[in-house]
Amino acid sequence: MSQKPLDRLITIKEVISQVGMGRTKIYEMLQFEEFPAPIKLGRYSRWSQLEIQAWIEEQKGKRAA
């Protein structure tokens, strides 16, 4: 039985670093549901690192198509 990788909630700064896009572009894509939605923790927004990684892989797949 294989273990699932642990997920981690990351900040917008970490998201920006991982995807190489600016904050404005990320929030613009969120409006059109083109980017994983954040998880709200009170007044804070955090993203699932696994969802961000999956989104990056999806973008790579679009490149090959």
PDB file of N, CA and C in Angstrom:
ATOM      1  N   MET A   1       0.845  -1.176   0.000  1.00  0.00           N
ATOM      2  CA  MET A   1       0.000   0.000   0.000  1.00  0.00           C
ATOM      3  C   MET A   1       0.891   1.241   0.000  1.00  0.00           C
ATOM      4  N   SER A   2       0.716   2.094  -1.003  1.00  0.00           N
ATOM      5  CA  SER A   2       1.541   3.298  -1.089  1.00  0.00           C
ATOM      6  C   SER A   2       0.881   4.437  -0.322  1.00  0.00           C
ATOM      7  N   GLN A   3       1.704   5.261   0.255  1.00  0.00           N
ATOM      8  CA  GLN A   3       1.187   6.400   1.000  1.00  0.00           C
ATOM      9  C   GLN A   3       1.002   7.582   0.063  1.00  0.00           C
ATOM     10  N   LYS A   4      -0.059   8.330   0.299  1.00  0.00           N
ATOM     11  CA  LYS A   4      -0.285   9.556  -0.458  1.00  0.00           C
ATOM     12  C   LYS A   4       0.681  10.616   0.047  1.00  0.00           C
ATOM     13  N   PRO A   5       1.176  11.464  -0.860  1.00  0.00           N
ATOM     14  CA  PRO A   5       2.045  12.545  -0.385  1.00  0.00           C
ATOM     15  C   PRO A   5       1.262  13.499   0.514  1.00  0.00           C
ATOM     16  N   LEU A   6       1.937  14.031   1.502  1.00  0.00           N
ATOM     17  CA  LEU A   6       1.288  14.977   2.404  1.00  0.00           C
ATOM     18  C   LEU A   6       1.060  16.298   1.686  1.00  0.00           C
ATOM     19  N   ASP A   7      -0.114  16.847   1.899  1.00  0.00           N
ATOM     20  CA  ASP A   7      -0.425  18.146   1.318  1.00  0.00           C
ATOM     21  C   ASP A   7      -0.006  19.222   2.311  1.00  0.00           C
ATOM     22  N   ARG A   8       0.260  20.376   1.792  1.00  0.00           N
ATOM     23  CA  ARG A   8       0.669  21.510   2.614  1.00  0.00           C
ATOM     24  C   ARG A   8      -0.064  22.730   2.097  1.00  0.00           C
ATOM     25  N   LEU A   9      -0.508  23.588   2.994  1.00  0.00           N
ATOM     26  CA  LEU A   9      -1.147  24.838   2.590  1.00  0.00           C
ATOM     27  C   LEU A   9      -0.072  25.907   2.471  1.00  0.00           C
ATOM     28  N   ILE A  10      -0.051  26.574   1.309  1.00  0.00           N
ATOM     29  CA  ILE A  10       1.009  27.540   1.037  1.00  0.00           C
ATOM     30  C   ILE A  10       0.432  28.937   0.809  1.00  0.00           C
ATOM     31  N   THR A  11       1.257  29.929   1.021  1.00  0.00           N
ATOM     32  CA  THR A  11       0.854  31.334   0.888  1.00  0.00           C
ATOM     33  C   THR A  11       0.915  31.776  -0.571  1.00  0.00           C
ATOM     34  N   ILE A  12       0.358  32.943  -0.841  1.00  0.00           N
ATOM     35  CA  ILE A  12       0.398  33.507  -2.193  1.00  0.00           C
ATOM     36  C   ILE A  12       1.846  33.725  -2.630  1.00  0.00           C
ATOM     37  N   LYS A  13       2.727  34.096  -1.712  1.00  0.00           N
ATOM     38  CA  LYS A  13       4.138  34.289  -2.072  1.00  0.00           C
ATOM     39  C   LYS A  13       4.753  32.990  -2.570  1.00  0.00           C
ATOM     40  N   GLU A  14       4.414  31.878  -1.918  1.00  0.00           N
ATOM     41  CA  GLU A  14       4.930  30.582  -2.351  1.00  0.00           C
ATOM     42  C   GLU A  14       4.317  30.171  -3.687  1.00  0.00           C
ATOM     43  N   VAL A  15       3.027  30.465  -3.880  1.00  0.00           N
ATOM     44  CA  VAL A  15       2.365  30.170  -5.154  1.00  0.00           C
ATOM     45  C   VAL A  15       3.061  30.937  -6.276  1.00  0.00           C
ATOM     46  N   ILE A  16       3.290  32.222  -6.065  1.00  0.00           N
ATOM     47  CA  ILE A  16       3.960  33.068  -7.059  1.00  0.00           C
ATOM     48  C   ILE A  16       5.324  32.478  -7.412  1.00  0.00           C
ATOM     49  N   SER A  17       6.061  32.052  -6.409  1.00  0.00           N
ATOM     50  CA  SER A  17       7.386  31.477  -6.622  1.00  0.00           C
ATOM     51  C   SER A  17       7.309  30.187  -7.435  1.00  0.00           C
ATOM     52  N   GLN A  18       6.309  29.357  -7.156  1.00  0.00           N
ATOM     53  CA  GLN A  18       6.203  28.068  -7.840  1.00  0.00           C
ATOM     54  C   GLN A  18       5.734  28.200  -9.280  1.00  0.00           C
ATOM     55  N   VAL A  19       4.798  29.099  -9.546  1.00  0.00           N
ATOM     56  CA  VAL A  19       4.229  29.182 -10.897  1.00  0.00           C
ATOM     57  C   VAL A  19       4.891  30.247 -11.762  1.00  0.00           C
ATOM     58  N   GLY A  20       5.630  31.164 -11.159  1.00  0.00           N
ATOM     59  CA  GLY A  20       6.332  32.179 -11.931  1.00  0.00           C
ATOM     60  C   GLY A  20       5.431  33.243 -12.532  1.00  0.00           C
ATOM     61  N   MET A  21       4.279  33.461 -11.919  1.00  0.00           N
ATOM     62  CA  MET A  21       3.363  34.518 -12.367  1.00  0.00           C
ATOM     63  C   MET A  21       3.177  35.504 -11.223  1.00  0.00           C
ATOM     64  N   GLY A  22       2.703  36.679 -11.541  1.00  0.00           N
ATOM     65  CA  GLY A  22       2.460  37.690 -10.528  1.00  0.00           C
ATOM     66  C   GLY A  22       1.119  37.505  -9.832  1.00  0.00           C
ATOM     67  N   ARG A  23       0.982  38.169  -8.714  1.00  0.00           N
ATOM     68  CA  ARG A  23      -0.242  38.118  -7.908  1.00  0.00           C
ATOM     69  C   ARG A  23      -1.469  38.547  -8.719  1.00  0.00           C
ATOM     70  N   THR A  24      -1.345  39.628  -9.484  1.00  0.00           N
ATOM     71  CA  THR A  24      -2.479  40.135 -10.260  1.00  0.00           C
ATOM     72  C   THR A  24      -2.953  39.100 -11.269  1.00  0.00           C
ATOM     73  N   LYS A  25      -2.024  38.464 -11.971  1.00  0.00           N
ATOM     74  CA  LYS A  25      -2.380  37.452 -12.971  1.00  0.00           C
ATOM     75  C   LYS A  25      -3.052  36.253 -12.311  1.00  0.00           C
ATOM     76  N   ILE A  26      -2.562  35.828 -11.173  1.00  0.00           N
ATOM     77  CA  ILE A  26      -3.158  34.692 -10.465  1.00  0.00           C
ATOM     78  C   ILE A  26      -4.597  35.018 -10.079  1.00  0.00           C
ATOM     79  N   TYR A  27      -4.834  36.194  -9.514  1.00  0.00           N
ATOM     80  CA  TYR A  27      -6.191  36.565  -9.108  1.00  0.00           C
ATOM     81  C   TYR A  27      -7.102  36.778 -10.316  1.00  0.00           C
ATOM     82  N   GLU A  28      -6.540  37.247 -11.420  1.00  0.00           N
ATOM     83  CA  GLU A  28      -7.321  37.376 -12.653  1.00  0.00           C
ATOM     84  C   GLU A  28      -7.759  35.992 -13.140  1.00  0.00           C
ATOM     85  N   MET A  29      -6.851  35.032 -13.118  1.00  0.00           N
ATOM     86  CA  MET A  29      -7.177  33.668 -13.540  1.00  0.00           C
ATOM     87  C   MET A  29      -8.200  33.032 -12.599  1.00  0.00           C
ATOM     88  N   LEU A  30      -8.137  33.365 -11.316  1.00  0.00           N
ATOM     89  CA  LEU A  30      -9.119  32.860 -10.351  1.00  0.00           C
ATOM     90  C   LEU A  30     -10.530  33.315 -10.721  1.00  0.00           C
ATOM     91  N   GLN A  31     -10.661  34.547 -11.189  1.00  0.00           N
ATOM     92  CA  GLN A  31     -11.979  35.073 -11.565  1.00  0.00           C
ATOM     93  C   GLN A  31     -12.606  34.258 -12.687  1.00  0.00           C
ATOM     94  N   PHE A  32     -11.772  33.706 -13.564  1.00  0.00           N
ATOM     95  CA  PHE A  32     -12.260  32.922 -14.696  1.00  0.00           C
ATOM     96  C   PHE A  32     -12.161  31.419 -14.441  1.00  0.00           C
ATOM     97  N   GLU A  33     -11.909  31.040 -13.182  1.00  0.00           N
ATOM     98  CA  GLU A  33     -11.791  29.641 -12.767  1.00  0.00           C
ATOM     99  C   GLU A  33     -10.742  28.893 -13.586  1.00  0.00           C
ATOM    100  N   GLU A  34      -9.628  29.569 -13.861  1.00  0.00           N
ATOM    101  CA  GLU A  34      -8.524  28.986 -14.620  1.00  0.00           C
ATOM    102  C   GLU A  34      -7.344  28.621 -13.717  1.00  0.00           C
ATOM    103  N   PHE A  35      -7.534  28.764 -12.414  1.00  0.00           N
ATOM    104  CA  PHE A  35      -6.460  28.521 -11.455  1.00  0.00           C
ATOM    105  C   PHE A  35      -7.095  27.942 -10.199  1.00  0.00           C
ATOM    106  N   PRO A  36      -6.388  27.044  -9.493  1.00  0.00           N
ATOM    107  CA  PRO A  36      -6.964  26.461  -8.270  1.00  0.00           C
ATOM    108  C   PRO A  36      -7.378  27.532  -7.256  1.00  0.00           C
ATOM    109  N   ALA A  37      -8.561  27.369  -6.716  1.00  0.00           N
ATOM    110  CA  ALA A  37      -9.087  28.324  -5.737  1.00  0.00           C
ATOM    111  C   ALA A  37      -8.375  28.160  -4.395  1.00  0.00           C
ATOM    112  N   PRO A  38      -8.207  29.260  -3.681  1.00  0.00           N
ATOM    113  CA  PRO A  38      -7.586  29.168  -2.361  1.00  0.00           C
ATOM    114  C   PRO A  38      -8.564  28.612  -1.329  1.00  0.00           C
ATOM    115  N   ILE A  39      -7.993  28.171  -0.239  1.00  0.00           N
ATOM    116  CA  ILE A  39      -8.758  27.735   0.927  1.00  0.00           C
ATOM    117  C   ILE A  39      -8.743  28.912   1.891  1.00  0.00           C
ATOM    118  N   LYS A  40      -9.912  29.335   2.333  1.00  0.00           N
ATOM    119  CA  LYS A  40     -10.007  30.479   3.247  1.00  0.00           C
ATOM    120  C   LYS A  40      -9.886  29.992   4.691  1.00  0.00           C
ATOM    121  N   LEU A  41      -8.965  30.583   5.412  1.00  0.00           N
ATOM    122  CA  LEU A  41      -8.782  30.305   6.835  1.00  0.00           C
ATOM    123  C   LEU A  41      -8.930  31.637   7.559  1.00  0.00           C
ATOM    124  N   GLY A  42     -10.171  31.942   7.937  1.00  0.00           N
ATOM    125  CA  GLY A  42     -10.433  33.261   8.502  1.00  0.00           C
ATOM    126  C   GLY A  42     -10.207  34.309   7.434  1.00  0.00           C
ATOM    127  N   ARG A  43      -9.328  35.250   7.701  1.00  0.00           N
ATOM    128  CA  ARG A  43      -9.045  36.293   6.713  1.00  0.00           C
ATOM    129  C   ARG A  43      -7.876  35.937   5.800  1.00  0.00           C
ATOM    130  N   TYR A  44      -7.316  34.754   5.987  1.00  0.00           N
ATOM    131  CA  TYR A  44      -6.161  34.328   5.203  1.00  0.00           C
ATOM    132  C   TYR A  44      -6.572  33.408   4.064  1.00  0.00           C
ATOM    133  N   SER A  45      -5.824  33.465   2.974  1.00  0.00           N
ATOM    134  CA  SER A  45      -6.010  32.556   1.843  1.00  0.00           C
ATOM    135  C   SER A  45      -4.766  31.688   1.736  1.00  0.00           C
ATOM    136  N   ARG A  46      -4.987  30.403   1.605  1.00  0.00           N
ATOM    137  CA  ARG A  46      -3.888  29.454   1.424  1.00  0.00           C
ATOM    138  C   ARG A  46      -4.266  28.515   0.292  1.00  0.00           C
ATOM    139  N   TRP A  47      -3.263  28.023  -0.415  1.00  0.00           N
ATOM    140  CA  TRP A  47      -3.485  27.107  -1.522  1.00  0.00           C
ATOM    141  C   TRP A  47      -2.924  25.741  -1.177  1.00  0.00           C
ATOM    142  N   SER A  48      -3.564  24.711  -1.719  1.00  0.00           N
ATOM    143  CA  SER A  48      -3.068  23.351  -1.580  1.00  0.00           C
ATOM    144  C   SER A  48      -1.850  23.196  -2.485  1.00  0.00           C
ATOM    145  N   GLN A  49      -0.737  22.810  -1.913  1.00  0.00           N
ATOM    146  CA  GLN A  49       0.474  22.630  -2.709  1.00  0.00           C
ATOM    147  C   GLN A  49       0.264  21.531  -3.748  1.00  0.00           C
ATOM    148  N   LEU A  50      -0.458  20.469  -3.390  1.00  0.00           N
ATOM    149  CA  LEU A  50      -0.718  19.390  -4.347  1.00  0.00           C
ATOM    150  C   LEU A  50      -1.575  19.879  -5.511  1.00  0.00           C
ATOM    151  N   GLU A  51      -2.551  20.746  -5.246  1.00  0.00           N
ATOM    152  CA  GLU A  51      -3.382  21.292  -6.326  1.00  0.00           C
ATOM    153  C   GLU A  51      -2.564  22.194  -7.243  1.00  0.00           C
ATOM    154  N   ILE A  52      -1.660  22.961  -6.676  1.00  0.00           N
ATOM    155  CA  ILE A  52      -0.801  23.831  -7.490  1.00  0.00           C
ATOM    156  C   ILE A  52       0.121  22.976  -8.354  1.00  0.00           C
ATOM    157  N   GLN A  53       0.698  21.934  -7.778  1.00  0.00           N
ATOM    158  CA  GLN A  53       1.566  21.045  -8.549  1.00  0.00           C
ATOM    159  C   GLN A  53       0.785  20.360  -9.671  1.00  0.00           C
ATOM    160  N   ALA A  54      -0.448  19.928  -9.375  1.00  0.00           N
ATOM    161  CA  ALA A  54      -1.286  19.293 -10.399  1.00  0.00           C
ATOM    162  C   ALA A  54      -1.613  20.285 -11.513  1.00  0.00           C
ATOM    163  N   TRP A  55      -1.872  21.539 -11.154  1.00  0.00           N
ATOM    164  CA  TRP A  55      -2.164  22.567 -12.154  1.00  0.00           C
ATOM    165  C   TRP A  55      -0.952  22.783 -13.059  1.00  0.00           C
ATOM    166  N   ILE A  56       0.241  22.817 -12.478  1.00  0.00           N
ATOM    167  CA  ILE A  56       1.465  22.979 -13.264  1.00  0.00           C
ATOM    168  C   ILE A  56       1.614  21.817 -14.244  1.00  0.00           C
ATOM    169  N   GLU A  57       1.383  20.600 -13.777  1.00  0.00           N
ATOM    170  CA  GLU A  57       1.484  19.427 -14.651  1.00  0.00           C
ATOM    171  C   GLU A  57       0.449  19.490 -15.774  1.00  0.00           C
ATOM    172  N   GLU A  58      -0.751  19.970 -15.454  1.00  0.00           N
ATOM    173  CA  GLU A  58      -1.801  20.132 -16.465  1.00  0.00           C
ATOM    174  C   GLU A  58      -1.357  21.124 -17.542  1.00  0.00           C
ATOM    175  N   GLN A  59      -0.706  22.201 -17.127  1.00  0.00           N
ATOM    176  CA  GLN A  59      -0.228  23.199 -18.091  1.00  0.00           C
ATOM    177  C   GLN A  59       0.848  22.603 -18.993  1.00  0.00           C
ATOM    178  N   LYS A  60       1.699  21.758 -18.427  1.00  0.00           N
ATOM    179  CA  LYS A  60       2.725  21.080 -19.229  1.00  0.00           C
ATOM    180  C   LYS A  60       2.074  20.179 -20.269  1.00  0.00           C
ATOM    181  N   GLY A  61       0.986  19.498 -19.869  1.00  0.00           N
ATOM    182  CA  GLY A  61       0.263  18.621 -20.789  1.00  0.00           C
ATOM    183  C   GLY A  61      -0.349  19.385 -21.944  1.00  0.00           C
ATOM    184  N   LYS A  62      -0.829  20.578 -21.680  1.00  0.00           N
ATOM    185  CA  LYS A  62      -1.409  21.411 -22.740  1.00  0.00           C
ATOM    186  C   LYS A  62      -0.346  21.812 -23.754  1.00  0.00           C
ATOM    187  N   ARG A  63       0.867  21.983 -23.280  1.00  0.00           N
ATOM    188  CA  ARG A  63       1.973  22.357 -24.161  1.00  0.00           C
ATOM    189  C   ARG A  63       2.260  21.240 -25.164  1.00  0.00           C
ATOM    190  N   ALA A  64       2.168  19.995 -24.710  1.00  0.00           N
ATOM    191  CA  ALA A  64       2.488  18.844 -25.556  1.00  0.00           C
ATOM    192  C   ALA A  64       1.367  18.524 -26.536  1.00  0.00           C
ATOM    193  N   ALA A  65       0.156  19.028 -26.271  1.00  0.00           N
ATOM    194  CA  ALA A  65      -0.997  18.687 -27.118  1.00  0.00           C
ATOM    195  C   ALA A  65      -0.974  19.419 -28.436  1.00  0.00           C
TER     196      ALA A  65
END
